[in-house]
Amino acid sequence: MNQLYQAKLLEQAKQPHGAGAVPRGTEDAEAINPGCGDEIRIKLAWTPEGTLEGLVHELHGCAVSAASASLAAKRLEGRTRKEIEAISAAFAARLGRSGFEEEWGDFQIFNGIERYPARIHCARLVWQALARALARENQAGEVTP
């Protein structure tokens, strides 16, 4: 990150893809960043074919959390559960470490975030909620392909 709040990050945060109301009690999962208080609730919608139709998120948090949720919602739409798990693992392996290559597109806004350790947790928030939602589906036997 040349500057923490670059234009692309702010653009994602101002008009986040997938943002919507997820009333408490209707969410598939939620995650809270205890360091700053950011909070996200997500709802997953699956097609009959087993691909993600949409990830709706209601976020009360910073621009980094909002941008990450927006980019995740865009990237994961149309993906199978296995693809989502692979993308999640790849995101975790790159964030704050090796960085995001060109094929990750706008996720490159997070390159250099390791200089701001508290912000790494903000960028992970949606992914933590997603992991919880998928785990709950597994436990409930609602596994999609």
N, C-alpha and C. Protein backbone atom coordinates (compact mmCIF):
# COMPACT_ATOMS: atom_id res chain seq x y z
N MET A 1 0.83 -1.18 0.00
CA MET A 1 0.00 0.00 0.00
C MET A 1 0.88 1.24 0.00
N ASN A 2 0.76 2.04 -1.02
CA ASN A 2 1.49 3.30 -1.01
C ASN A 2 0.92 4.21 0.06
N GLN A 3 -0.38 4.27 0.13
CA GLN A 3 -1.09 4.96 1.19
C GLN A 3 -2.19 4.01 1.61
N LEU A 4 -2.48 3.99 2.90
CA LEU A 4 -3.45 3.02 3.40
C LEU A 4 -4.79 3.14 2.69
N TYR A 5 -5.29 4.33 2.58
CA TYR A 5 -6.60 4.52 1.95
C TYR A 5 -6.44 5.02 0.53
N GLN A 6 -5.98 4.15 -0.35
CA GLN A 6 -5.82 4.53 -1.74
C GLN A 6 -7.20 4.71 -2.37
N ALA A 7 -7.20 5.31 -3.53
CA ALA A 7 -8.46 5.61 -4.22
C ALA A 7 -9.28 4.35 -4.47
N LYS A 8 -8.64 3.25 -4.88
CA LYS A 8 -9.40 2.03 -5.16
C LYS A 8 -10.02 1.44 -3.90
N LEU A 9 -9.30 1.52 -2.80
CA LEU A 9 -9.83 1.01 -1.54
C LEU A 9 -11.05 1.83 -1.14
N LEU A 10 -10.95 3.14 -1.23
CA LEU A 10 -12.08 4.00 -0.87
C LEU A 10 -13.26 3.79 -1.82
N GLU A 11 -12.96 3.56 -3.09
CA GLU A 11 -14.02 3.31 -4.06
C GLU A 11 -14.81 2.05 -3.67
N GLN A 12 -14.10 1.00 -3.32
CA GLN A 12 -14.75 -0.24 -2.89
C GLN A 12 -15.57 -0.01 -1.62
N ALA A 13 -15.02 0.76 -0.70
CA ALA A 13 -15.67 0.99 0.59
C ALA A 13 -16.92 1.87 0.46
N LYS A 14 -16.90 2.82 -0.47
CA LYS A 14 -18.03 3.73 -0.62
C LYS A 14 -19.22 3.08 -1.29
N GLN A 15 -18.97 2.17 -2.21
CA GLN A 15 -20.04 1.47 -2.91
C GLN A 15 -19.76 -0.03 -2.87
N PRO A 16 -19.85 -0.62 -1.69
CA PRO A 16 -19.46 -2.03 -1.56
C PRO A 16 -20.44 -2.99 -2.23
N HIS A 17 -19.88 -3.88 -3.02
CA HIS A 17 -20.66 -4.93 -3.67
C HIS A 17 -21.17 -5.89 -2.59
N GLY A 18 -22.43 -6.24 -2.65
CA GLY A 18 -22.99 -7.19 -1.71
C GLY A 18 -23.50 -6.59 -0.41
N ALA A 19 -23.35 -5.28 -0.24
CA ALA A 19 -23.82 -4.65 1.00
C ALA A 19 -25.34 -4.67 1.04
N GLY A 20 -25.87 -4.97 2.20
CA GLY A 20 -27.31 -5.00 2.37
C GLY A 20 -27.67 -5.27 3.81
N ALA A 21 -28.93 -5.28 4.09
CA ALA A 21 -29.40 -5.54 5.44
C ALA A 21 -29.36 -7.03 5.74
N VAL A 22 -28.76 -7.37 6.86
CA VAL A 22 -28.77 -8.74 7.37
C VAL A 22 -29.18 -8.62 8.84
N PRO A 23 -30.51 -8.60 9.07
CA PRO A 23 -30.98 -8.41 10.45
C PRO A 23 -30.42 -9.47 11.40
N ARG A 24 -30.12 -9.02 12.59
CA ARG A 24 -29.60 -9.92 13.62
C ARG A 24 -30.56 -11.09 13.79
N GLY A 25 -30.01 -12.29 13.79
CA GLY A 25 -30.81 -13.50 13.91
C GLY A 25 -31.09 -14.18 12.59
N THR A 26 -30.84 -13.46 11.47
CA THR A 26 -31.06 -14.06 10.15
C THR A 26 -29.74 -14.41 9.46
N GLU A 27 -28.63 -14.02 10.08
CA GLU A 27 -27.32 -14.20 9.44
C GLU A 27 -26.91 -15.67 9.43
N ASP A 28 -26.08 -16.02 8.46
CA ASP A 28 -25.44 -17.34 8.45
C ASP A 28 -24.25 -17.34 9.39
N ALA A 29 -23.63 -16.18 9.55
CA ALA A 29 -22.50 -16.06 10.48
C ALA A 29 -22.19 -14.58 10.68
N GLU A 30 -21.44 -14.34 11.75
CA GLU A 30 -20.95 -12.99 12.00
C GLU A 30 -19.53 -13.08 12.53
N ALA A 31 -18.85 -11.96 12.47
CA ALA A 31 -17.49 -11.87 13.02
C ALA A 31 -17.30 -10.46 13.56
N ILE A 32 -16.53 -10.39 14.62
CA ILE A 32 -16.24 -9.11 15.26
C ILE A 32 -14.73 -8.99 15.44
N ASN A 33 -14.21 -7.82 15.15
CA ASN A 33 -12.81 -7.54 15.38
C ASN A 33 -12.72 -6.87 16.75
N PRO A 34 -12.26 -7.60 17.77
CA PRO A 34 -12.23 -7.03 19.11
C PRO A 34 -11.25 -5.86 19.25
N GLY A 35 -10.29 -5.77 18.34
CA GLY A 35 -9.31 -4.69 18.42
C GLY A 35 -9.89 -3.32 18.09
N CYS A 36 -10.86 -3.29 17.18
CA CYS A 36 -11.39 -1.99 16.76
C CYS A 36 -12.91 -1.92 16.84
N GLY A 37 -13.56 -3.05 17.00
CA GLY A 37 -15.01 -3.06 17.10
C GLY A 37 -15.75 -3.26 15.80
N ASP A 38 -15.04 -3.43 14.68
CA ASP A 38 -15.72 -3.71 13.42
C ASP A 38 -16.54 -4.98 13.58
N GLU A 39 -17.70 -4.98 12.95
CA GLU A 39 -18.62 -6.12 13.05
C GLU A 39 -19.26 -6.37 11.70
N ILE A 40 -19.37 -7.64 11.31
CA ILE A 40 -20.00 -8.00 10.05
C ILE A 40 -20.94 -9.18 10.27
N ARG A 41 -22.09 -9.13 9.59
CA ARG A 41 -23.00 -10.27 9.52
C ARG A 41 -23.15 -10.59 8.04
N ILE A 42 -23.15 -11.89 7.70
CA ILE A 42 -23.27 -12.28 6.30
C ILE A 42 -24.40 -13.27 6.12
N LYS A 43 -24.93 -13.28 4.92
CA LYS A 43 -25.95 -14.23 4.49
C LYS A 43 -25.53 -14.75 3.13
N LEU A 44 -25.50 -16.07 2.98
CA LEU A 44 -25.10 -16.70 1.72
C LEU A 44 -26.34 -17.22 1.00
N ALA A 45 -26.41 -17.03 -0.29
CA ALA A 45 -27.49 -17.57 -1.12
C ALA A 45 -26.85 -18.48 -2.17
N TRP A 46 -27.36 -19.70 -2.27
CA TRP A 46 -26.81 -20.71 -3.19
C TRP A 46 -27.81 -20.99 -4.30
N THR A 47 -27.29 -21.27 -5.49
CA THR A 47 -28.15 -21.69 -6.59
C THR A 47 -28.45 -23.18 -6.42
N PRO A 48 -29.47 -23.68 -7.13
CA PRO A 48 -29.74 -25.12 -7.07
C PRO A 48 -28.56 -25.97 -7.57
N GLU A 49 -27.73 -25.38 -8.40
CA GLU A 49 -26.55 -26.08 -8.93
C GLU A 49 -25.40 -26.11 -7.94
N GLY A 50 -25.52 -25.37 -6.84
CA GLY A 50 -24.49 -25.39 -5.82
C GLY A 50 -23.42 -24.32 -5.95
N THR A 51 -23.72 -23.26 -6.71
CA THR A 51 -22.77 -22.15 -6.77
C THR A 51 -23.32 -21.00 -5.94
N LEU A 52 -22.43 -20.16 -5.49
CA LEU A 52 -22.84 -19.03 -4.66
C LEU A 52 -23.54 -17.99 -5.53
N GLU A 53 -24.80 -17.76 -5.21
CA GLU A 53 -25.57 -16.74 -5.93
C GLU A 53 -25.21 -15.36 -5.42
N GLY A 54 -24.96 -15.27 -4.11
CA GLY A 54 -24.60 -13.98 -3.56
C GLY A 54 -24.19 -14.07 -2.11
N LEU A 55 -23.32 -13.16 -1.74
CA LEU A 55 -22.90 -12.98 -0.35
C LEU A 55 -23.35 -11.58 0.03
N VAL A 56 -24.35 -11.50 0.90
CA VAL A 56 -24.84 -10.21 1.38
C VAL A 56 -24.18 -9.97 2.73
N HIS A 57 -23.70 -8.76 2.93
CA HIS A 57 -23.04 -8.43 4.19
C HIS A 57 -23.55 -7.12 4.74
N GLU A 58 -23.73 -7.11 6.05
CA GLU A 58 -24.03 -5.87 6.76
C GLU A 58 -22.84 -5.61 7.67
N LEU A 59 -22.20 -4.50 7.43
CA LEU A 59 -20.94 -4.19 8.10
C LEU A 59 -21.05 -2.88 8.85
N HIS A 60 -20.51 -2.88 10.04
CA HIS A 60 -20.31 -1.66 10.80
C HIS A 60 -18.80 -1.63 11.06
N GLY A 61 -18.09 -0.92 10.19
CA GLY A 61 -16.65 -0.95 10.30
C GLY A 61 -15.96 0.04 9.40
N CYS A 62 -14.66 -0.13 9.29
CA CYS A 62 -13.80 0.80 8.58
C CYS A 62 -13.76 0.52 7.08
N ALA A 63 -13.06 1.39 6.37
CA ALA A 63 -12.95 1.27 4.91
C ALA A 63 -12.23 -0.02 4.51
N VAL A 64 -11.26 -0.47 5.28
CA VAL A 64 -10.54 -1.70 4.94
C VAL A 64 -11.48 -2.89 5.03
N SER A 65 -12.27 -2.97 6.09
CA SER A 65 -13.25 -4.06 6.23
C SER A 65 -14.27 -4.01 5.10
N ALA A 66 -14.75 -2.82 4.78
CA ALA A 66 -15.75 -2.67 3.73
C ALA A 66 -15.19 -3.07 2.36
N ALA A 67 -13.98 -2.64 2.06
CA ALA A 67 -13.36 -2.98 0.78
C ALA A 67 -13.15 -4.49 0.66
N SER A 68 -12.70 -5.12 1.73
CA SER A 68 -12.47 -6.56 1.70
C SER A 68 -13.78 -7.31 1.50
N ALA A 69 -14.85 -6.88 2.19
CA ALA A 69 -16.15 -7.53 2.03
C ALA A 69 -16.67 -7.36 0.61
N SER A 70 -16.51 -6.18 0.05
CA SER A 70 -16.95 -5.91 -1.31
C SER A 70 -16.21 -6.79 -2.32
N LEU A 71 -14.89 -6.84 -2.19
CA LEU A 71 -14.10 -7.64 -3.12
C LEU A 71 -14.39 -9.13 -2.97
N ALA A 72 -14.60 -9.59 -1.75
CA ALA A 72 -14.94 -11.00 -1.53
C ALA A 72 -16.28 -11.33 -2.18
N ALA A 73 -17.28 -10.47 -1.97
CA ALA A 73 -18.60 -10.73 -2.54
C ALA A 73 -18.53 -10.83 -4.06
N LYS A 74 -17.75 -9.96 -4.69
CA LYS A 74 -17.59 -10.00 -6.15
C LYS A 74 -16.89 -11.27 -6.60
N ARG A 75 -15.77 -11.57 -5.96
CA ARG A 75 -14.92 -12.68 -6.41
C ARG A 75 -15.57 -14.04 -6.20
N LEU A 76 -16.40 -14.17 -5.18
CA LEU A 76 -16.94 -15.47 -4.83
C LEU A 76 -18.25 -15.82 -5.54
N GLU A 77 -18.94 -14.84 -6.07
CA GLU A 77 -20.19 -15.11 -6.78
C GLU A 77 -19.95 -16.07 -7.93
N GLY A 78 -20.83 -17.07 -8.03
CA GLY A 78 -20.74 -18.04 -9.12
C GLY A 78 -19.77 -19.17 -8.84
N ARG A 79 -19.15 -19.17 -7.68
CA ARG A 79 -18.16 -20.20 -7.33
C ARG A 79 -18.80 -21.33 -6.53
N THR A 80 -18.21 -22.51 -6.63
CA THR A 80 -18.65 -23.64 -5.82
C THR A 80 -18.04 -23.52 -4.44
N ARG A 81 -18.54 -24.33 -3.55
CA ARG A 81 -18.01 -24.35 -2.18
C ARG A 81 -16.51 -24.67 -2.18
N LYS A 82 -16.10 -25.66 -2.97
CA LYS A 82 -14.67 -26.02 -3.03
C LYS A 82 -13.84 -24.86 -3.55
N GLU A 83 -14.33 -24.18 -4.56
CA GLU A 83 -13.61 -23.02 -5.09
C GLU A 83 -13.51 -21.92 -4.05
N ILE A 84 -14.59 -21.70 -3.31
CA ILE A 84 -14.60 -20.68 -2.27
C ILE A 84 -13.59 -21.01 -1.18
N GLU A 85 -13.54 -22.27 -0.79
CA GLU A 85 -12.57 -22.68 0.23
C GLU A 85 -11.15 -22.47 -0.26
N ALA A 86 -10.89 -22.76 -1.54
CA ALA A 86 -9.55 -22.56 -2.11
C ALA A 86 -9.20 -21.08 -2.19
N ILE A 87 -10.14 -20.26 -2.59
CA ILE A 87 -9.90 -18.82 -2.66
C ILE A 87 -9.65 -18.26 -1.27
N SER A 88 -10.42 -18.71 -0.30
CA SER A 88 -10.24 -18.26 1.09
C SER A 88 -8.85 -18.59 1.60
N ALA A 89 -8.40 -19.81 1.33
CA ALA A 89 -7.06 -20.23 1.76
C ALA A 89 -5.99 -19.41 1.05
N ALA A 90 -6.18 -19.15 -0.23
CA ALA A 90 -5.21 -18.36 -0.99
C ALA A 90 -5.17 -16.92 -0.48
N PHE A 91 -6.32 -16.36 -0.15
CA PHE A 91 -6.37 -15.01 0.42
C PHE A 91 -5.57 -14.97 1.72
N ALA A 92 -5.83 -15.93 2.60
CA ALA A 92 -5.15 -15.97 3.89
C ALA A 92 -3.63 -16.11 3.73
N ALA A 93 -3.22 -16.87 2.73
CA ALA A 93 -1.79 -17.08 2.50
C ALA A 93 -1.10 -15.83 1.98
N ARG A 94 -1.83 -14.95 1.31
CA ARG A 94 -1.23 -13.76 0.71
C ARG A 94 -1.32 -12.51 1.60
N LEU A 95 -2.42 -12.37 2.33
CA LEU A 95 -2.64 -11.15 3.10
C LEU A 95 -1.55 -10.96 4.14
N GLY A 96 -0.85 -9.85 4.03
CA GLY A 96 0.20 -9.53 4.99
C GLY A 96 1.47 -10.33 4.80
N ARG A 97 1.53 -11.12 3.75
CA ARG A 97 2.70 -11.97 3.50
C ARG A 97 3.24 -11.70 2.10
N SER A 98 2.94 -12.63 1.18
CA SER A 98 3.50 -12.53 -0.17
C SER A 98 2.83 -11.47 -1.03
N GLY A 99 1.62 -11.07 -0.65
CA GLY A 99 0.90 -10.08 -1.44
C GLY A 99 0.08 -10.73 -2.55
N PHE A 100 -0.66 -9.91 -3.24
CA PHE A 100 -1.58 -10.37 -4.27
C PHE A 100 -1.01 -10.07 -5.65
N GLU A 101 -0.96 -11.11 -6.47
CA GLU A 101 -0.45 -10.98 -7.83
C GLU A 101 -1.49 -10.29 -8.71
N GLU A 102 -1.09 -9.98 -9.93
CA GLU A 102 -1.94 -9.26 -10.87
C GLU A 102 -3.28 -9.95 -11.10
N GLU A 103 -3.28 -11.29 -11.14
CA GLU A 103 -4.55 -11.99 -11.41
C GLU A 103 -5.58 -11.81 -10.28
N TRP A 104 -5.16 -11.29 -9.15
CA TRP A 104 -6.08 -11.00 -8.05
C TRP A 104 -6.76 -9.64 -8.23
N GLY A 105 -6.35 -8.89 -9.25
CA GLY A 105 -7.01 -7.62 -9.56
C GLY A 105 -6.98 -6.64 -8.40
N ASP A 106 -8.16 -6.14 -8.05
CA ASP A 106 -8.25 -5.09 -7.03
C ASP A 106 -7.80 -5.53 -5.64
N PHE A 107 -7.65 -6.83 -5.41
CA PHE A 107 -7.13 -7.28 -4.11
C PHE A 107 -5.71 -6.75 -3.88
N GLN A 108 -5.06 -6.28 -4.92
CA GLN A 108 -3.73 -5.71 -4.78
C GLN A 108 -3.71 -4.48 -3.89
N ILE A 109 -4.87 -3.90 -3.63
CA ILE A 109 -4.92 -2.75 -2.71
C ILE A 109 -4.44 -3.14 -1.31
N PHE A 110 -4.44 -4.44 -1.01
CA PHE A 110 -3.99 -4.90 0.30
C PHE A 110 -2.49 -5.20 0.36
N ASN A 111 -1.80 -5.10 -0.76
CA ASN A 111 -0.35 -5.30 -0.75
C ASN A 111 0.29 -4.21 0.10
N GLY A 112 1.10 -4.61 1.04
CA GLY A 112 1.76 -3.67 1.95
C GLY A 112 1.01 -3.46 3.25
N ILE A 113 -0.11 -4.12 3.41
CA ILE A 113 -0.91 -3.94 4.62
C ILE A 113 -0.17 -4.42 5.87
N GLU A 114 0.85 -5.24 5.68
CA GLU A 114 1.61 -5.73 6.84
C GLU A 114 2.26 -4.58 7.63
N ARG A 115 2.39 -3.42 7.00
CA ARG A 115 2.93 -2.25 7.72
C ARG A 115 1.91 -1.67 8.70
N TYR A 116 0.68 -2.16 8.60
CA TYR A 116 -0.41 -1.70 9.48
C TYR A 116 -1.07 -2.94 10.09
N PRO A 117 -0.42 -3.60 11.02
CA PRO A 117 -0.90 -4.89 11.54
C PRO A 117 -2.35 -4.90 11.99
N ALA A 118 -2.83 -3.83 12.58
CA ALA A 118 -4.23 -3.79 13.03
C ALA A 118 -5.19 -3.89 11.86
N ARG A 119 -4.78 -3.40 10.71
CA ARG A 119 -5.65 -3.41 9.53
C ARG A 119 -5.75 -4.80 8.89
N ILE A 120 -4.78 -5.65 9.15
CA ILE A 120 -4.85 -7.03 8.64
C ILE A 120 -6.11 -7.70 9.19
N HIS A 121 -6.40 -7.47 10.46
CA HIS A 121 -7.60 -8.07 11.07
C HIS A 121 -8.87 -7.53 10.41
N CYS A 122 -8.85 -6.27 10.02
CA CYS A 122 -10.01 -5.68 9.34
C CYS A 122 -10.23 -6.36 7.98
N ALA A 123 -9.16 -6.57 7.25
CA ALA A 123 -9.27 -7.20 5.94
C ALA A 123 -9.71 -8.66 6.04
N ARG A 124 -9.42 -9.31 7.15
CA ARG A 124 -9.80 -10.73 7.34
C ARG A 124 -11.23 -10.91 7.81
N LEU A 125 -11.88 -9.87 8.26
CA LEU A 125 -13.17 -10.00 8.95
C LEU A 125 -14.21 -10.76 8.14
N VAL A 126 -14.44 -10.37 6.90
CA VAL A 126 -15.45 -11.05 6.08
C VAL A 126 -15.08 -12.51 5.86
N TRP A 127 -13.80 -12.80 5.72
CA TRP A 127 -13.34 -14.16 5.49
C TRP A 127 -13.55 -15.03 6.73
N GLN A 128 -13.42 -14.43 7.91
CA GLN A 128 -13.70 -15.16 9.14
C GLN A 128 -15.18 -15.51 9.23
N ALA A 129 -16.02 -14.57 8.90
CA ALA A 129 -17.47 -14.83 8.90
C ALA A 129 -17.82 -15.90 7.87
N LEU A 130 -17.21 -15.83 6.71
CA LEU A 130 -17.45 -16.82 5.66
C LEU A 130 -17.06 -18.22 6.13
N ALA A 131 -15.90 -18.34 6.77
CA ALA A 131 -15.46 -19.65 7.27
C ALA A 131 -16.46 -20.19 8.29
N ARG A 132 -16.97 -19.33 9.14
CA ARG A 132 -17.97 -19.76 10.14
C ARG A 132 -19.26 -20.21 9.46
N ALA A 133 -19.69 -19.47 8.45
CA ALA A 133 -20.92 -19.83 7.74
C ALA A 133 -20.78 -21.20 7.06
N LEU A 134 -19.65 -21.43 6.42
CA LEU A 134 -19.44 -22.71 5.75
C LEU A 134 -19.35 -23.85 6.77
N ALA A 135 -18.72 -23.60 7.89
CA ALA A 135 -18.62 -24.62 8.94
C ALA A 135 -20.01 -24.95 9.49
N ARG A 136 -20.84 -23.96 9.67
CA ARG A 136 -22.22 -24.20 10.16
C ARG A 136 -23.01 -25.02 9.17
N GLU A 137 -22.83 -24.74 7.87
CA GLU A 137 -23.52 -25.53 6.85
C GLU A 137 -23.08 -26.98 6.92
N ASN A 138 -21.79 -27.19 7.13
CA ASN A 138 -21.28 -28.56 7.26
C ASN A 138 -21.94 -29.27 8.42
N GLN A 139 -22.01 -28.59 9.56
CA GLN A 139 -22.58 -29.19 10.76
C GLN A 139 -24.07 -29.46 10.59
N ALA A 140 -24.75 -28.60 9.86
CA ALA A 140 -26.19 -28.74 9.67
C ALA A 140 -26.52 -29.72 8.55
N GLY A 141 -25.49 -30.19 7.84
CA GLY A 141 -25.73 -31.11 6.72
C GLY A 141 -26.24 -30.43 5.48
N GLU A 142 -26.05 -29.12 5.40
CA GLU A 142 -26.52 -28.36 4.23
C GLU A 142 -25.36 -28.11 3.27
N VAL A 143 -24.55 -29.11 3.08
CA VAL A 143 -23.35 -28.95 2.27
C VAL A 143 -23.72 -28.84 0.80
N THR A 144 -23.19 -27.80 0.17
CA THR A 144 -23.36 -27.62 -1.27
C THR A 144 -22.09 -28.10 -1.94
N PRO A 145 -22.17 -28.43 -3.21
CA PRO A 145 -20.96 -28.94 -3.90
C PRO A 145 -19.82 -27.95 -3.93
